[in-house]
């Protein structure tokens, strides 16, 4: 059974749209991570349902990224950007609910290796 622990929720300061970087630890993987994650909307919005943007694999201490062609392990540290997030509601997906922690400042280790690039 896959278990997800949210390690961090960080507002992206240089985004034109509301955006956060979410860092997670995934345990129990038997293959690549399925990024079918979203957040249920409580009322219609002018923007569509959001999902992970720019998913990155990180090394064990979260200080560098890992290329996608490196074989997956049972435990992976990942991060992704998420636009228009309601920080008071969990994310949902094929692995169940993903609770969000309290928002904190972007750690330098992530700001250094995970640049924010606006979507096209």
PDB file of N, CA and C in Angstrom:
ATOM      1  N   UNK A   1       0.832  -1.182   0.000  1.00  0.00           N
ATOM      2  CA  UNK A   1       0.000   0.000   0.000  1.00  0.00           C
ATOM      3  C   UNK A   1       0.881   1.251   0.000  1.00  0.00           C
ATOM      4  N   UNK A   2       0.582   2.171  -0.893  1.00  0.00           N
ATOM      5  CA  UNK A   2       1.356   3.402  -1.001  1.00  0.00           C
ATOM      6  C   UNK A   2       0.919   4.377   0.089  1.00  0.00           C
ATOM      7  N   UNK A   3       1.898   4.946   0.770  1.00  0.00           N
ATOM      8  CA  UNK A   3       1.655   5.958   1.802  1.00  0.00           C
ATOM      9  C   UNK A   3       2.364   7.241   1.399  1.00  0.00           C
ATOM     10  N   UNK A   4       1.661   8.365   1.557  1.00  0.00           N
ATOM     11  CA  UNK A   4       2.235   9.665   1.206  1.00  0.00           C
ATOM     12  C   UNK A   4       2.267  10.549   2.440  1.00  0.00           C
ATOM     13  N   UNK A   5       3.444  11.093   2.722  1.00  0.00           N
ATOM     14  CA  UNK A   5       3.626  12.056   3.800  1.00  0.00           C
ATOM     15  C   UNK A   5       4.006  13.380   3.163  1.00  0.00           C
ATOM     16  N   UNK A   6       3.281  14.429   3.494  1.00  0.00           N
ATOM     17  CA  UNK A   6       3.614  15.751   2.964  1.00  0.00           C
ATOM     18  C   UNK A   6       4.697  16.371   3.835  1.00  0.00           C
ATOM     19  N   UNK A   7       5.826  16.692   3.218  1.00  0.00           N
ATOM     20  CA  UNK A   7       6.976  17.238   3.937  1.00  0.00           C
ATOM     21  C   UNK A   7       6.978  18.759   3.971  1.00  0.00           C
ATOM     22  N   UNK A   8       6.355  19.380   2.984  1.00  0.00           N
ATOM     23  CA  UNK A   8       6.383  20.835   2.954  1.00  0.00           C
ATOM     24  C   UNK A   8       5.381  21.425   1.989  1.00  0.00           C
ATOM     25  N   UNK A   9       4.929  22.614   2.332  1.00  0.00           N
ATOM     26  CA  UNK A   9       4.024  23.409   1.509  1.00  0.00           C
ATOM     27  C   UNK A   9       4.599  24.817   1.492  1.00  0.00           C
ATOM     28  N   UNK A  10       5.041  25.273   0.319  1.00  0.00           N
ATOM     29  CA  UNK A  10       5.784  26.528   0.217  1.00  0.00           C
ATOM     30  C   UNK A  10       5.205  27.418  -0.883  1.00  0.00           C
ATOM     31  N   UNK A  11       4.836  28.630  -0.540  1.00  0.00           N
ATOM     32  CA  UNK A  11       4.319  29.580  -1.524  1.00  0.00           C
ATOM     33  C   UNK A  11       5.455  29.965  -2.472  1.00  0.00           C
ATOM     34  N   UNK A  12       5.145  30.025  -3.754  1.00  0.00           N
ATOM     35  CA  UNK A  12       6.126  30.418  -4.767  1.00  0.00           C
ATOM     36  C   UNK A  12       6.068  31.929  -4.924  1.00  0.00           C
ATOM     37  N   UNK A  13       7.113  32.633  -4.527  1.00  0.00           N
ATOM     38  CA  UNK A  13       7.062  34.097  -4.500  1.00  0.00           C
ATOM     39  C   UNK A  13       7.075  34.760  -5.870  1.00  0.00           C
ATOM     40  N   UNK A  14       7.634  34.119  -6.895  1.00  0.00           N
ATOM     41  CA  UNK A  14       7.793  34.784  -8.186  1.00  0.00           C
ATOM     42  C   UNK A  14       6.799  34.302  -9.246  1.00  0.00           C
ATOM     43  N   UNK A  15       5.635  33.822  -8.816  1.00  0.00           N
ATOM     44  CA  UNK A  15       4.603  33.369  -9.744  1.00  0.00           C
ATOM     45  C   UNK A  15       3.560  34.463  -9.942  1.00  0.00           C
ATOM     46  N   UNK A  16       3.111  34.642 -11.182  1.00  0.00           N
ATOM     47  CA  UNK A  16       2.060  35.617 -11.474  1.00  0.00           C
ATOM     48  C   UNK A  16       0.694  35.133 -10.975  1.00  0.00           C
ATOM     49  N   UNK A  17       0.541  33.820 -10.833  1.00  0.00           N
ATOM     50  CA  UNK A  17      -0.693  33.217 -10.336  1.00  0.00           C
ATOM     51  C   UNK A  17      -0.412  32.621  -8.966  1.00  0.00           C
ATOM     52  N   UNK A  18      -1.433  32.447  -8.116  1.00  0.00           N
ATOM     53  CA  UNK A  18      -1.194  31.793  -6.829  1.00  0.00           C
ATOM     54  C   UNK A  18      -0.641  30.383  -7.053  1.00  0.00           C
ATOM     55  N   UNK A  19       0.504  30.099  -6.468  1.00  0.00           N
ATOM     56  CA  UNK A  19       1.178  28.827  -6.710  1.00  0.00           C
ATOM     57  C   UNK A  19       1.976  28.412  -5.481  1.00  0.00           C
ATOM     58  N   UNK A  20       2.023  27.100  -5.231  1.00  0.00           N
ATOM     59  CA  UNK A  20       2.770  26.538  -4.117  1.00  0.00           C
ATOM     60  C   UNK A  20       3.639  25.398  -4.617  1.00  0.00           C
ATOM     61  N   UNK A  21       4.751  25.159  -3.938  1.00  0.00           N
ATOM     62  CA  UNK A  21       5.568  23.977  -4.153  1.00  0.00           C
ATOM     63  C   UNK A  21       5.233  23.011  -3.028  1.00  0.00           C
ATOM     64  N   UNK A  22       4.873  21.792  -3.384  1.00  0.00           N
ATOM     65  CA  UNK A  22       4.521  20.764  -2.414  1.00  0.00           C
ATOM     66  C   UNK A  22       5.581  19.675  -2.483  1.00  0.00           C
ATOM     67  N   UNK A  23       6.129  19.332  -1.321  1.00  0.00           N
ATOM     68  CA  UNK A  23       7.157  18.288  -1.232  1.00  0.00           C
ATOM     69  C   UNK A  23       6.558  17.111  -0.485  1.00  0.00           C
ATOM     70  N   UNK A  24       6.694  15.911  -1.055  1.00  0.00           N
ATOM     71  CA  UNK A  24       6.114  14.715  -0.453  1.00  0.00           C
ATOM     72  C   UNK A  24       7.127  13.584  -0.382  1.00  0.00           C
ATOM     73  N   UNK A  25       6.887  12.658   0.538  1.00  0.00           N
ATOM     74  CA  UNK A  25       7.636  11.411   0.624  1.00  0.00           C
ATOM     75  C   UNK A  25       6.638  10.304   0.350  1.00  0.00           C
ATOM     76  N   UNK A  26       6.945   9.477  -0.634  1.00  0.00           N
ATOM     77  CA  UNK A  26       6.057   8.395  -1.044  1.00  0.00           C
ATOM     78  C   UNK A  26       6.735   7.074  -0.701  1.00  0.00           C
ATOM     79  N   UNK A  27       6.023   6.235   0.063  1.00  0.00           N
ATOM     80  CA  UNK A  27       6.552   4.917   0.449  1.00  0.00           C
ATOM     81  C   UNK A  27       5.637   3.828  -0.084  1.00  0.00           C
ATOM     82  N   UNK A  28       6.226   2.710  -0.441  1.00  0.00           N
ATOM     83  CA  UNK A  28       5.454   1.557  -0.887  1.00  0.00           C
ATOM     84  C   UNK A  28       5.222   1.506  -2.388  1.00  0.00           C
ATOM     85  N   UNK A  29       5.990   2.265  -3.145  1.00  0.00           N
ATOM     86  CA  UNK A  29       5.843   2.235  -4.600  1.00  0.00           C
ATOM     87  C   UNK A  29       6.307   0.902  -5.171  1.00  0.00           C
ATOM     88  N   UNK A  30       5.617   0.443  -6.194  1.00  0.00           N
ATOM     89  CA  UNK A  30       6.041  -0.764  -6.912  1.00  0.00           C
ATOM     90  C   UNK A  30       6.394  -0.433  -8.360  1.00  0.00           C
ATOM     91  N   UNK A  31       6.410   0.841  -8.676  1.00  0.00           N
ATOM     92  CA  UNK A  31       6.738   1.330 -10.014  1.00  0.00           C
ATOM     93  C   UNK A  31       6.757   2.847  -9.957  1.00  0.00           C
ATOM     94  N   UNK A  32       6.764   3.499 -11.109  1.00  0.00           N
ATOM     95  CA  UNK A  32       6.756   4.961 -11.120  1.00  0.00           C
ATOM     96  C   UNK A  32       5.530   5.534 -10.409  1.00  0.00           C
ATOM     97  N   UNK A  33       5.687   6.724  -9.880  1.00  0.00           N
ATOM     98  CA  UNK A  33       4.631   7.426  -9.170  1.00  0.00           C
ATOM     99  C   UNK A  33       3.536   7.856 -10.139  1.00  0.00           C
ATOM    100  N   UNK A  34       2.291   7.649  -9.768  1.00  0.00           N
ATOM    101  CA  UNK A  34       1.141   8.089 -10.563  1.00  0.00           C
ATOM    102  C   UNK A  34       0.736   9.474 -10.063  1.00  0.00           C
ATOM    103  N   UNK A  35       0.925  10.495 -10.887  1.00  0.00           N
ATOM    104  CA  UNK A  35       0.665  11.865 -10.444  1.00  0.00           C
ATOM    105  C   UNK A  35      -0.783  12.305 -10.682  1.00  0.00           C
ATOM    106  N   UNK A  36      -1.706  11.363 -10.649  1.00  0.00           N
ATOM    107  CA  UNK A  36      -3.132  11.668 -10.770  1.00  0.00           C
ATOM    108  C   UNK A  36      -3.613  12.250  -9.440  1.00  0.00           C
ATOM    109  N   UNK A  37      -3.259  13.507  -9.211  1.00  0.00           N
ATOM    110  CA  UNK A  37      -3.573  14.216  -7.966  1.00  0.00           C
ATOM    111  C   UNK A  37      -4.307  15.495  -8.338  1.00  0.00           C
ATOM    112  N   UNK A  38      -5.325  15.829  -7.578  1.00  0.00           N
ATOM    113  CA  UNK A  38      -6.055  17.066  -7.808  1.00  0.00           C
ATOM    114  C   UNK A  38      -6.596  17.565  -6.474  1.00  0.00           C
ATOM    115  N   UNK A  39      -7.407  18.571  -6.538  1.00  0.00           N
ATOM    116  CA  UNK A  39      -8.083  19.069  -5.347  1.00  0.00           C
ATOM    117  C   UNK A  39      -9.537  19.314  -5.737  1.00  0.00           C
ATOM    118  N   UNK A  40     -10.425  18.671  -5.014  1.00  0.00           N
ATOM    119  CA  UNK A  40     -11.843  18.824  -5.309  1.00  0.00           C
ATOM    120  C   UNK A  40     -12.264  20.271  -5.071  1.00  0.00           C
ATOM    121  N   UNK A  41     -13.005  20.816  -6.008  1.00  0.00           N
ATOM    122  CA  UNK A  41     -13.483  22.188  -5.898  1.00  0.00           C
ATOM    123  C   UNK A  41     -14.818  22.204  -5.172  1.00  0.00           C
ATOM    124  N   UNK A  42     -14.989  23.146  -4.264  1.00  0.00           N
ATOM    125  CA  UNK A  42     -16.248  23.237  -3.519  1.00  0.00           C
ATOM    126  C   UNK A  42     -17.289  24.043  -4.288  1.00  0.00           C
ATOM    127  N   UNK A  43     -16.857  24.849  -5.222  1.00  0.00           N
ATOM    128  CA  UNK A  43     -17.785  25.629  -6.044  1.00  0.00           C
ATOM    129  C   UNK A  43     -17.122  25.888  -7.384  1.00  0.00           C
ATOM    130  N   UNK A  44     -17.911  26.125  -8.422  1.00  0.00           N
ATOM    131  CA  UNK A  44     -17.319  26.370  -9.744  1.00  0.00           C
ATOM    132  C   UNK A  44     -16.354  27.557  -9.726  1.00  0.00           C
ATOM    133  N   UNK A  45     -15.280  27.417 -10.434  1.00  0.00           N
ATOM    134  CA  UNK A  45     -14.268  28.465 -10.547  1.00  0.00           C
ATOM    135  C   UNK A  45     -14.082  28.825 -12.007  1.00  0.00           C
ATOM    136  N   UNK A  46     -13.469  29.962 -12.258  1.00  0.00           N
ATOM    137  CA  UNK A  46     -13.200  30.326 -13.645  1.00  0.00           C
ATOM    138  C   UNK A  46     -12.039  29.512 -14.223  1.00  0.00           C
ATOM    139  N   UNK A  47     -11.255  28.889 -13.357  1.00  0.00           N
ATOM    140  CA  UNK A  47     -10.155  28.048 -13.823  1.00  0.00           C
ATOM    141  C   UNK A  47     -10.539  26.589 -13.606  1.00  0.00           C
ATOM    142  N   UNK A  48      -9.913  25.733 -14.343  1.00  0.00           N
ATOM    143  CA  UNK A  48     -10.238  24.311 -14.278  1.00  0.00           C
ATOM    144  C   UNK A  48      -9.594  23.651 -13.075  1.00  0.00           C
ATOM    145  N   UNK A  49      -9.968  22.413 -12.841  1.00  0.00           N
ATOM    146  CA  UNK A  49      -9.369  21.623 -11.770  1.00  0.00           C
ATOM    147  C   UNK A  49      -7.863  21.541 -12.009  1.00  0.00           C
ATOM    148  N   UNK A  50      -7.089  21.726 -10.964  1.00  0.00           N
ATOM    149  CA  UNK A  50      -5.636  21.770 -11.087  1.00  0.00           C
ATOM    150  C   UNK A  50      -5.014  20.408 -10.776  1.00  0.00           C
ATOM    151  N   UNK A  51      -3.768  20.248 -11.167  1.00  0.00           N
ATOM    152  CA  UNK A  51      -3.006  19.039 -10.884  1.00  0.00           C
ATOM    153  C   UNK A  51      -1.540  19.396 -10.738  1.00  0.00           C
ATOM    154  N   UNK A  52      -0.697  18.421 -10.404  1.00  0.00           N
ATOM    155  CA  UNK A  52       0.733  18.693 -10.249  1.00  0.00           C
ATOM    156  C   UNK A  52       1.340  19.259 -11.530  1.00  0.00           C
ATOM    157  N   UNK A  53       2.203  20.229 -11.344  1.00  0.00           N
ATOM    158  CA  UNK A  53       2.912  20.846 -12.455  1.00  0.00           C
ATOM    159  C   UNK A  53       4.407  20.747 -12.172  1.00  0.00           C
ATOM    160  N   UNK A  54       5.152  20.283 -13.167  1.00  0.00           N
ATOM    161  CA  UNK A  54       6.611  20.159 -13.078  1.00  0.00           C
ATOM    162  C   UNK A  54       7.019  19.229 -11.923  1.00  0.00           C
ATOM    163  N   UNK A  55       6.511  18.004 -11.943  1.00  0.00           N
ATOM    164  CA  UNK A  55       6.851  16.992 -10.948  1.00  0.00           C
ATOM    165  C   UNK A  55       8.334  16.657 -11.043  1.00  0.00           C
ATOM    166  N   UNK A  56       9.015  16.667  -9.905  1.00  0.00           N
ATOM    167  CA  UNK A  56      10.453  16.382  -9.865  1.00  0.00           C
ATOM    168  C   UNK A  56      10.744  15.318  -8.823  1.00  0.00           C
ATOM    169  N   UNK A  57      11.664  14.431  -9.143  1.00  0.00           N
ATOM    170  CA  UNK A  57      12.175  13.464  -8.168  1.00  0.00           C
ATOM    171  C   UNK A  57      13.368  14.093  -7.457  1.00  0.00           C
ATOM    172  N   UNK A  58      13.428  13.893  -6.144  1.00  0.00           N
ATOM    173  CA  UNK A  58      14.516  14.452  -5.342  1.00  0.00           C
ATOM    174  C   UNK A  58      15.331  13.335  -4.700  1.00  0.00           C
ATOM    175  N   UNK A  59      16.575  13.655  -4.354  1.00  0.00           N
ATOM    176  CA  UNK A  59      17.382  12.692  -3.608  1.00  0.00           C
ATOM    177  C   UNK A  59      16.842  12.595  -2.172  1.00  0.00           C
ATOM    178  N   UNK A  60      17.405  11.694  -1.382  1.00  0.00           N
ATOM    179  CA  UNK A  60      16.865  11.378  -0.050  1.00  0.00           C
ATOM    180  C   UNK A  60      16.782  12.583   0.880  1.00  0.00           C
ATOM    181  N   UNK A  61      17.735  13.516   0.788  1.00  0.00           N
ATOM    182  CA  UNK A  61      17.690  14.684   1.680  1.00  0.00           C
ATOM    183  C   UNK A  61      17.089  15.923   1.021  1.00  0.00           C
ATOM    184  N   UNK A  62      16.585  15.771  -0.210  1.00  0.00           N
ATOM    185  CA  UNK A  62      15.893  16.864  -0.871  1.00  0.00           C
ATOM    186  C   UNK A  62      16.772  18.004  -1.318  1.00  0.00           C
ATOM    187  N   UNK A  63      18.043  17.720  -1.595  1.00  0.00           N
ATOM    188  CA  UNK A  63      18.967  18.787  -1.988  1.00  0.00           C
ATOM    189  C   UNK A  63      19.320  18.784  -3.471  1.00  0.00           C
ATOM    190  N   UNK A  64      18.835  17.788  -4.212  1.00  0.00           N
ATOM    191  CA  UNK A  64      19.119  17.716  -5.644  1.00  0.00           C
ATOM    192  C   UNK A  64      18.039  16.866  -6.307  1.00  0.00           C
ATOM    193  N   UNK A  65      17.887  17.026  -7.600  1.00  0.00           N
ATOM    194  CA  UNK A  65      16.891  16.249  -8.326  1.00  0.00           C
ATOM    195  C   UNK A  65      17.508  14.995  -8.896  1.00  0.00           C
ATOM    196  N   UNK A  66      16.650  14.022  -9.191  1.00  0.00           N
ATOM    197  CA  UNK A  66      17.066  12.735  -9.757  1.00  0.00           C
ATOM    198  C   UNK A  66      16.452  12.616 -11.150  1.00  0.00           C
ATOM    199  N   UNK A  67      17.230  12.218 -12.158  1.00  0.00           N
ATOM    200  CA  UNK A  67      16.674  12.061 -13.506  1.00  0.00           C
ATOM    201  C   UNK A  67      15.578  10.982 -13.550  1.00  0.00           C
ATOM    202  N   UNK A  68      14.645  11.155 -14.462  1.00  0.00           N
ATOM    203  CA  UNK A  68      13.522  10.214 -14.590  1.00  0.00           C
ATOM    204  C   UNK A  68      13.964   8.830 -15.040  1.00  0.00           C
ATOM    205  N   UNK A  69      15.109   8.714 -15.718  1.00  0.00           N
ATOM    206  CA  UNK A  69      15.536   7.403 -16.212  1.00  0.00           C
ATOM    207  C   UNK A  69      16.227   6.556 -15.145  1.00  0.00           C
ATOM    208  N   UNK A  70      16.460   7.094 -13.958  1.00  0.00           N
ATOM    209  CA  UNK A  70      17.006   6.309 -12.855  1.00  0.00           C
ATOM    210  C   UNK A  70      15.883   5.414 -12.324  1.00  0.00           C
ATOM    211  N   UNK A  71      16.146   4.115 -12.106  1.00  0.00           N
ATOM    212  CA  UNK A  71      15.077   3.222 -11.635  1.00  0.00           C
ATOM    213  C   UNK A  71      14.420   3.726 -10.345  1.00  0.00           C
ATOM    214  N   UNK A  72      13.104   3.555 -10.278  1.00  0.00           N
ATOM    215  CA  UNK A  72      12.327   3.962  -9.106  1.00  0.00           C
ATOM    216  C   UNK A  72      12.575   3.002  -7.958  1.00  0.00           C
ATOM    217  N   UNK A  73      12.499   3.526  -6.738  1.00  0.00           N
ATOM    218  CA  UNK A  73      12.642   2.696  -5.538  1.00  0.00           C
ATOM    219  C   UNK A  73      11.299   2.689  -4.803  1.00  0.00           C
ATOM    220  N   UNK A  74      11.192   1.903  -3.750  1.00  0.00           N
ATOM    221  CA  UNK A  74       9.947   1.813  -2.981  1.00  0.00           C
ATOM    222  C   UNK A  74       9.657   3.103  -2.227  1.00  0.00           C
ATOM    223  N   UNK A  75      10.695   3.907  -1.982  1.00  0.00           N
ATOM    224  CA  UNK A  75      10.527   5.170  -1.256  1.00  0.00           C
ATOM    225  C   UNK A  75      11.132   6.291  -2.089  1.00  0.00           C
ATOM    226  N   UNK A  76      10.317   7.268  -2.435  1.00  0.00           N
ATOM    227  CA  UNK A  76      10.762   8.381  -3.274  1.00  0.00           C
ATOM    228  C   UNK A  76      10.345   9.712  -2.666  1.00  0.00           C
ATOM    229  N   UNK A  77      11.241  10.677  -2.758  1.00  0.00           N
ATOM    230  CA  UNK A  77      10.942  12.056  -2.350  1.00  0.00           C
ATOM    231  C   UNK A  77      10.660  12.828  -3.632  1.00  0.00           C
ATOM    232  N   UNK A  78       9.502  13.500  -3.678  1.00  0.00           N
ATOM    233  CA  UNK A  78       9.067  14.204  -4.875  1.00  0.00           C
ATOM    234  C   UNK A  78       8.612  15.616  -4.520  1.00  0.00           C
ATOM    235  N   UNK A  79       8.564  16.476  -5.513  1.00  0.00           N
ATOM    236  CA  UNK A  79       7.946  17.781  -5.316  1.00  0.00           C
ATOM    237  C   UNK A  79       7.304  18.205  -6.619  1.00  0.00           C
ATOM    238  N   UNK A  80       6.326  19.083  -6.494  1.00  0.00           N
ATOM    239  CA  UNK A  80       5.632  19.596  -7.662  1.00  0.00           C
ATOM    240  C   UNK A  80       4.993  20.927  -7.313  1.00  0.00           C
ATOM    241  N   UNK A  81       4.735  21.701  -8.348  1.00  0.00           N
ATOM    242  CA  UNK A  81       4.031  22.964  -8.179  1.00  0.00           C
ATOM    243  C   UNK A  81       2.534  22.700  -8.324  1.00  0.00           C
ATOM    244  N   UNK A  82       1.737  23.511  -7.643  1.00  0.00           N
ATOM    245  CA  UNK A  82       0.283  23.384  -7.713  1.00  0.00           C
ATOM    246  C   UNK A  82      -0.307  24.786  -7.690  1.00  0.00           C
ATOM    247  N   UNK A  83      -1.013  25.139  -8.757  1.00  0.00           N
ATOM    248  CA  UNK A  83      -1.613  26.470  -8.877  1.00  0.00           C
ATOM    249  C   UNK A  83      -3.014  26.503  -8.262  1.00  0.00           C
ATOM    250  N   UNK A  84      -3.413  27.665  -7.781  1.00  0.00           N
ATOM    251  CA  UNK A  84      -4.763  27.920  -7.263  1.00  0.00           C
ATOM    252  C   UNK A  84      -5.164  26.920  -6.180  1.00  0.00           C
ATOM    253  N   UNK A  85      -4.261  26.638  -5.292  1.00  0.00           N
ATOM    254  CA  UNK A  85      -4.472  25.667  -4.221  1.00  0.00           C
ATOM    255  C   UNK A  85      -5.278  26.283  -3.080  1.00  0.00           C
ATOM    256  N   UNK A  86      -6.190  25.502  -2.507  1.00  0.00           N
ATOM    257  CA  UNK A  86      -6.848  25.881  -1.263  1.00  0.00           C
ATOM    258  C   UNK A  86      -6.073  25.172  -0.159  1.00  0.00           C
ATOM    259  N   UNK A  87      -5.245  25.892   0.567  1.00  0.00           N
ATOM    260  CA  UNK A  87      -4.340  25.275   1.549  1.00  0.00           C
ATOM    261  C   UNK A  87      -5.084  24.648   2.732  1.00  0.00           C
ATOM    262  N   UNK A  88      -6.375  24.890   2.836  1.00  0.00           N
ATOM    263  CA  UNK A  88      -7.167  24.332   3.932  1.00  0.00           C
ATOM    264  C   UNK A  88      -7.871  23.027   3.556  1.00  0.00           C
ATOM    265  N   UNK A  89      -7.662  22.556   2.335  1.00  0.00           N
ATOM    266  CA  UNK A  89      -8.301  21.324   1.876  1.00  0.00           C
ATOM    267  C   UNK A  89      -7.243  20.329   1.407  1.00  0.00           C
ATOM    268  N   UNK A  90      -7.484  19.039   1.604  1.00  0.00           N
ATOM    269  CA  UNK A  90      -6.501  18.046   1.155  1.00  0.00           C
ATOM    270  C   UNK A  90      -6.494  17.894  -0.360  1.00  0.00           C
ATOM    271  N   UNK A  91      -5.434  17.321  -0.865  1.00  0.00           N
ATOM    272  CA  UNK A  91      -5.384  16.882  -2.253  1.00  0.00           C
ATOM    273  C   UNK A  91      -5.969  15.474  -2.290  1.00  0.00           C
ATOM    274  N   UNK A  92      -6.432  15.058  -3.451  1.00  0.00           N
ATOM    275  CA  UNK A  92      -6.965  13.707  -3.594  1.00  0.00           C
ATOM    276  C   UNK A  92      -6.391  13.078  -4.844  1.00  0.00           C
ATOM    277  N   UNK A  93      -6.390  11.761  -4.873  1.00  0.00           N
ATOM    278  CA  UNK A  93      -5.894  11.057  -6.048  1.00  0.00           C
ATOM    279  C   UNK A  93      -5.990   9.564  -5.858  1.00  0.00           C
ATOM    280  N   UNK A  94      -5.316   8.848  -6.717  1.00  0.00           N
ATOM    281  CA  UNK A  94      -5.401   7.388  -6.700  1.00  0.00           C
ATOM    282  C   UNK A  94      -4.823   6.771  -5.425  1.00  0.00           C
ATOM    283  N   UNK A  95      -4.042   7.525  -4.668  1.00  0.00           N
ATOM    284  CA  UNK A  95      -3.478   7.022  -3.411  1.00  0.00           C
ATOM    285  C   UNK A  95      -4.284   7.474  -2.198  1.00  0.00           C
ATOM    286  N   UNK A  96      -5.410   8.142  -2.408  1.00  0.00           N
ATOM    287  CA  UNK A  96      -6.241   8.621  -1.302  1.00  0.00           C
ATOM    288  C   UNK A  96      -6.014  10.101  -1.042  1.00  0.00           C
ATOM    289  N   UNK A  97      -6.426  10.549   0.137  1.00  0.00           N
ATOM    290  CA  UNK A  97      -6.275  11.957   0.523  1.00  0.00           C
ATOM    291  C   UNK A  97      -4.844  12.266   0.926  1.00  0.00           C
ATOM    292  N   UNK A  98      -4.395  13.435   0.555  1.00  0.00           N
ATOM    293  CA  UNK A  98      -3.063  13.916   0.925  1.00  0.00           C
ATOM    294  C   UNK A  98      -3.269  15.190   1.723  1.00  0.00           C
ATOM    295  N   UNK A  99      -3.030  15.115   3.021  1.00  0.00           N
ATOM    296  CA  UNK A  99      -3.226  16.270   3.891  1.00  0.00           C
ATOM    297  C   UNK A  99      -2.082  17.268   3.676  1.00  0.00           C
ATOM    298  N   UNK A 100      -2.402  18.530   3.749  1.00  0.00           N
ATOM    299  CA  UNK A 100      -1.407  19.587   3.568  1.00  0.00           C
ATOM    300  C   UNK A 100      -0.990  20.144   4.919  1.00  0.00           C
ATOM    301  N   UNK A 101       0.311  20.343   5.110  1.00  0.00           N
ATOM    302  CA  UNK A 101       0.779  20.940   6.362  1.00  0.00           C
ATOM    303  C   UNK A 101       0.624  22.452   6.324  1.00  0.00           C
ATOM    304  N   UNK A 102       0.983  23.081   7.413  1.00  0.00           N
ATOM    305  CA  UNK A 102       0.997  24.537   7.464  1.00  0.00           C
ATOM    306  C   UNK A 102       2.040  25.057   6.469  1.00  0.00           C
ATOM    307  N   UNK A 103       1.706  26.140   5.808  1.00  0.00           N
ATOM    308  CA  UNK A 103       2.605  26.746   4.831  1.00  0.00           C
ATOM    309  C   UNK A 103       3.837  27.309   5.518  1.00  0.00           C
ATOM    310  N   UNK A 104       5.000  27.095   4.914  1.00  0.00           N
ATOM    311  CA  UNK A 104       6.254  27.653   5.417  1.00  0.00           C
ATOM    312  C   UNK A 104       7.008  28.301   4.251  1.00  0.00           C
ATOM    313  N   UNK A 105       8.024  29.064   4.580  1.00  0.00           N
ATOM    314  CA  UNK A 105       8.846  29.710   3.552  1.00  0.00           C
ATOM    315  C   UNK A 105       9.585  28.650   2.739  1.00  0.00           C
ATOM    316  N   UNK A 106       9.841  28.974   1.484  1.00  0.00           N
ATOM    317  CA  UNK A 106      10.561  28.071   0.594  1.00  0.00           C
ATOM    318  C   UNK A 106      11.984  27.844   1.129  1.00  0.00           C
ATOM    319  N   UNK A 107      12.360  26.582   1.403  1.00  0.00           N
ATOM    320  CA  UNK A 107      13.729  26.324   1.857  1.00  0.00           C
ATOM    321  C   UNK A 107      14.732  26.630   0.744  1.00  0.00           C
ATOM    322  N   UNK A 108      15.859  27.125   1.121  1.00  0.00           N
ATOM    323  CA  UNK A 108      16.910  27.459   0.155  1.00  0.00           C
ATOM    324  C   UNK A 108      17.306  26.231  -0.673  1.00  0.00           C
ATOM    325  N   UNK A 109      17.335  25.052  -0.044  1.00  0.00           N
ATOM    326  CA  UNK A 109      17.734  23.832  -0.763  1.00  0.00           C
ATOM    327  C   UNK A 109      16.801  23.554  -1.941  1.00  0.00           C
ATOM    328  N   UNK A 110      15.507  23.863  -1.804  1.00  0.00           N
ATOM    329  CA  UNK A 110      14.568  23.661  -2.902  1.00  0.00           C
ATOM    330  C   UNK A 110      14.619  24.819  -3.894  1.00  0.00           C
ATOM    331  N   UNK A 111      14.699  26.028  -3.407  1.00  0.00           N
ATOM    332  CA  UNK A 111      14.772  27.193  -4.293  1.00  0.00           C
ATOM    333  C   UNK A 111      15.982  27.100  -5.219  1.00  0.00           C
ATOM    334  N   UNK A 112      17.047  26.489  -4.731  1.00  0.00           N
ATOM    335  CA  UNK A 112      18.287  26.361  -5.503  1.00  0.00           C
ATOM    336  C   UNK A 112      18.163  25.343  -6.639  1.00  0.00           C
ATOM    337  N   UNK A 113      17.406  24.252  -6.436  1.00  0.00           N
ATOM    338  CA  UNK A 113      17.393  23.176  -7.433  1.00  0.00           C
ATOM    339  C   UNK A 113      16.076  23.024  -8.194  1.00  0.00           C
ATOM    340  N   UNK A 114      15.003  23.672  -7.741  1.00  0.00           N
ATOM    341  CA  UNK A 114      13.697  23.546  -8.396  1.00  0.00           C
ATOM    342  C   UNK A 114      13.221  24.932  -8.827  1.00  0.00           C
ATOM    343  N   UNK A 115      13.655  25.409  -9.983  1.00  0.00           N
ATOM    344  CA  UNK A 115      13.225  26.729 -10.424  1.00  0.00           C
ATOM    345  C   UNK A 115      11.763  26.698 -10.878  1.00  0.00           C
ATOM    346  N   UNK A 116      11.046  27.776 -10.597  1.00  0.00           N
ATOM    347  CA  UNK A 116       9.668  27.874 -11.076  1.00  0.00           C
ATOM    348  C   UNK A 116       9.683  28.426 -12.497  1.00  0.00           C
ATOM    349  N   UNK A 117       9.060  27.705 -13.398  1.00  0.00           N
ATOM    350  CA  UNK A 117       8.891  28.151 -14.785  1.00  0.00           C
ATOM    351  C   UNK A 117       7.396  28.220 -15.052  1.00  0.00           C
ATOM    352  N   UNK A 118       6.857  29.386 -15.367  1.00  0.00           N
ATOM    353  CA  UNK A 118       5.407  29.509 -15.589  1.00  0.00           C
ATOM    354  C   UNK A 118       4.941  28.597 -16.720  1.00  0.00           C
ATOM    355  N   UNK A 119       3.716  28.053 -16.592  1.00  0.00           N
ATOM    356  CA  UNK A 119       3.184  27.241 -17.693  1.00  0.00           C
ATOM    357  C   UNK A 119       2.971  28.090 -18.944  1.00  0.00           C
ATOM    358  N   UNK A 120       3.022  27.458 -20.077  1.00  0.00           N
ATOM    359  CA  UNK A 120       2.812  28.172 -21.355  1.00  0.00           C
ATOM    360  C   UNK A 120       1.371  28.606 -21.491  1.00  0.00           C
TER     361      UNK A 120
END
